[in-house]
Amino acid sequence: MDGSATGAKKKPETGTEAAEGQPRTRLVRGPGLLLVWLYGVMSVGAVSRSVYQIATGFDRAPLAYALSAVAAVVYAFITYTLVRGGETARKAALVCCAAELAGVLTVGTWTLAESSAFPDATVWSDYGMGYLFIPVLLPVTGILWLRASRR
């Protein structure tokens, strides 16, 4: 007897829960909904900024413009994983948020210490001051939410 006759439910497996017909852990609830919205807005902003910068003057500040493109990819991936849900997506988003925070802190410190290395700003310059410091606050909030949403 496998327990189905007694009405007992199996505990969902992590990582492949959707493939096995089990419901995914919803990450887009409560604060997660706000995170998805903010990451979506930041994705659009960073993509727009990097496409414009690269198309109009990549030779002027290639490092800064490439970093804006990297930020856009990171924001888009985190948005996707939060919407997708599930334990595997939660773990991937957690790793990306940690990498994003490391990037913001590194680039933010670098732009303050040696501003001549960046003739033009990136999304993460000065810890995201041009974006109301959302780039430094968002990964911290994301990490806290993703840790709290563990099973």
Protein backbone atom coordinates (compact mmCIF):
# COMPACT_ATOMS: atom_id res chain seq x y z
CA MET A 1 0.00 0.00 0.00
CA ASP A 2 1.45 3.37 -1.02
CA GLY A 3 -0.59 5.58 1.25
CA SER A 4 -2.97 6.77 -1.48
CA ALA A 5 -5.82 4.65 -0.15
CA THR A 6 -5.57 6.43 3.20
CA GLY A 7 -5.67 9.84 1.58
CA ALA A 8 -2.09 10.68 2.63
CA LYS A 9 -0.38 13.15 0.34
CA LYS A 10 3.20 12.79 -0.78
CA LYS A 11 5.57 15.57 0.14
CA PRO A 12 6.65 17.46 -3.04
CA GLU A 13 10.16 16.81 -4.24
CA THR A 14 12.44 19.80 -4.57
CA GLY A 15 13.72 20.89 -7.95
CA THR A 16 11.52 18.71 -10.16
CA GLU A 17 8.18 19.22 -8.48
CA ALA A 18 6.46 20.57 -11.61
CA ALA A 19 7.70 17.66 -13.75
CA GLU A 20 6.21 15.19 -11.28
CA GLY A 21 2.85 16.95 -11.19
CA GLN A 22 3.43 18.55 -7.80
CA PRO A 23 2.69 22.25 -7.29
CA ARG A 24 5.63 24.64 -7.35
CA THR A 25 6.49 26.86 -4.44
CA ARG A 26 4.96 30.23 -5.26
CA LEU A 27 7.47 33.03 -4.92
CA VAL A 28 5.12 35.71 -6.23
CA ARG A 29 3.08 36.29 -3.11
CA GLY A 30 3.24 39.01 -0.52
CA PRO A 31 6.60 40.81 -0.77
CA GLY A 32 7.53 38.54 -3.67
CA LEU A 33 4.98 40.31 -5.86
CA LEU A 34 6.64 43.65 -5.15
CA LEU A 35 10.06 42.13 -5.87
CA VAL A 36 8.87 40.83 -9.26
CA TRP A 37 7.47 44.23 -10.10
CA LEU A 38 10.66 46.06 -9.07
CA TYR A 39 12.94 43.58 -10.84
CA GLY A 40 10.76 43.90 -13.95
CA VAL A 41 11.02 47.69 -13.89
CA MET A 42 14.78 47.50 -13.33
CA SER A 43 15.06 45.01 -16.22
CA VAL A 44 13.32 47.40 -18.59
CA GLY A 45 15.38 50.36 -17.35
CA ALA A 46 18.72 48.54 -17.55
CA VAL A 47 17.98 47.01 -20.97
CA SER A 48 16.89 50.39 -22.35
CA ARG A 49 19.91 52.15 -20.90
CA SER A 50 22.45 49.58 -22.11
CA VAL A 51 20.98 49.25 -25.61
CA TYR A 52 21.01 53.03 -26.04
CA GLN A 53 24.52 53.41 -24.60
CA ILE A 54 25.98 50.59 -26.66
CA ALA A 55 24.28 51.75 -29.86
CA THR A 56 25.25 55.41 -29.54
CA GLY A 57 28.75 55.43 -28.06
CA PHE A 58 30.18 52.11 -26.96
CA ASP A 59 33.72 53.30 -27.72
CA ARG A 60 33.33 56.16 -25.20
CA ALA A 61 32.88 53.91 -22.13
CA PRO A 62 32.87 50.22 -23.06
CA LEU A 63 33.30 48.92 -19.50
CA ALA A 64 30.45 51.01 -18.10
CA TYR A 65 28.10 50.12 -20.94
CA ALA A 66 28.95 46.42 -20.78
CA LEU A 67 28.28 46.45 -17.02
CA SER A 68 24.87 48.03 -17.65
CA ALA A 69 24.13 45.17 -20.06
CA VAL A 70 25.22 42.62 -17.44
CA ALA A 71 22.92 44.27 -14.90
CA ALA A 72 20.05 44.02 -17.40
CA VAL A 73 20.63 40.28 -17.87
CA VAL A 74 20.83 39.69 -14.11
CA TYR A 75 17.60 41.63 -13.48
CA ALA A 76 15.77 39.79 -16.27
CA PHE A 77 16.93 36.38 -15.01
CA ILE A 78 15.89 37.11 -11.43
CA THR A 79 12.49 38.35 -12.65
CA TYR A 80 12.05 35.12 -14.64
CA THR A 81 13.01 32.84 -11.74
CA LEU A 82 10.69 34.62 -9.31
CA VAL A 83 7.77 34.27 -11.73
CA ARG A 84 8.65 30.64 -12.52
CA GLY A 85 8.63 29.60 -8.89
CA GLY A 86 9.72 26.28 -7.45
CA GLU A 87 12.63 25.33 -5.28
CA THR A 88 15.19 25.21 -8.10
CA ALA A 89 14.15 28.68 -9.30
CA ARG A 90 14.29 29.98 -5.73
CA LYS A 91 17.86 28.72 -5.33
CA ALA A 92 18.90 30.16 -8.71
CA ALA A 93 17.38 33.54 -7.81
CA LEU A 94 19.15 33.46 -4.43
CA VAL A 95 22.53 32.87 -6.11
CA CYS A 96 21.83 35.64 -8.64
CA CYS A 97 20.78 38.10 -5.93
CA ALA A 98 24.02 37.38 -4.06
CA ALA A 99 26.04 37.87 -7.28
CA GLU A 100 24.08 41.06 -8.00
CA LEU A 101 24.84 42.42 -4.53
CA ALA A 102 28.54 41.61 -4.97
CA GLY A 103 28.48 43.39 -8.34
CA VAL A 104 26.74 46.47 -6.98
CA LEU A 105 29.14 46.72 -4.04
CA THR A 106 32.20 46.17 -6.27
CA VAL A 107 31.16 48.59 -9.01
CA GLY A 108 29.80 51.11 -6.50
CA THR A 109 33.05 51.15 -4.56
CA TRP A 110 35.12 51.19 -7.76
CA THR A 111 33.22 54.19 -9.15
CA LEU A 112 33.72 56.13 -5.93
CA ALA A 113 37.40 55.20 -5.54
CA GLU A 114 38.45 55.65 -9.17
CA SER A 115 35.85 57.61 -11.07
CA SER A 116 38.20 58.06 -14.04
CA ALA A 117 37.74 54.34 -14.85
CA PHE A 118 34.10 55.11 -15.67
CA PRO A 119 33.72 58.09 -18.02
CA ASP A 120 29.97 57.41 -17.98
CA ALA A 121 27.75 55.90 -15.30
CA THR A 122 26.49 52.33 -15.07
CA VAL A 123 23.31 51.11 -13.41
CA TRP A 124 25.43 50.11 -10.42
CA SER A 125 27.59 53.29 -10.26
CA ASP A 126 27.72 54.92 -6.83
CA TYR A 127 25.69 51.98 -5.47
CA GLY A 128 22.82 52.80 -7.81
CA MET A 129 22.45 56.44 -6.81
CA GLY A 130 21.03 57.25 -10.27
CA TYR A 131 18.29 54.73 -9.57
CA LEU A 132 17.48 55.93 -6.03
CA PHE A 133 19.78 53.23 -4.55
CA ILE A 134 17.33 50.53 -5.63
CA PRO A 135 20.20 48.47 -7.14
CA VAL A 136 21.80 48.04 -3.71
CA LEU A 137 18.55 47.60 -1.76
CA LEU A 138 16.86 45.19 -4.17
CA PRO A 139 19.27 42.24 -3.86
CA VAL A 140 19.32 42.54 -0.06
CA THR A 141 15.52 42.47 -0.01
CA GLY A 142 15.51 39.63 -2.52
CA ILE A 143 17.91 37.53 -0.46
CA LEU A 144 15.84 38.07 2.69
CA TRP A 145 12.60 37.15 0.89
CA LEU A 146 14.04 34.10 -0.85
CA ARG A 147 15.50 32.79 2.40
CA ALA A 148 12.18 33.31 4.17
CA SER A 149 10.29 31.52 1.38
CA ARG A 150 12.18 28.25 1.86
CA ARG A 151 10.03 25.25 2.62
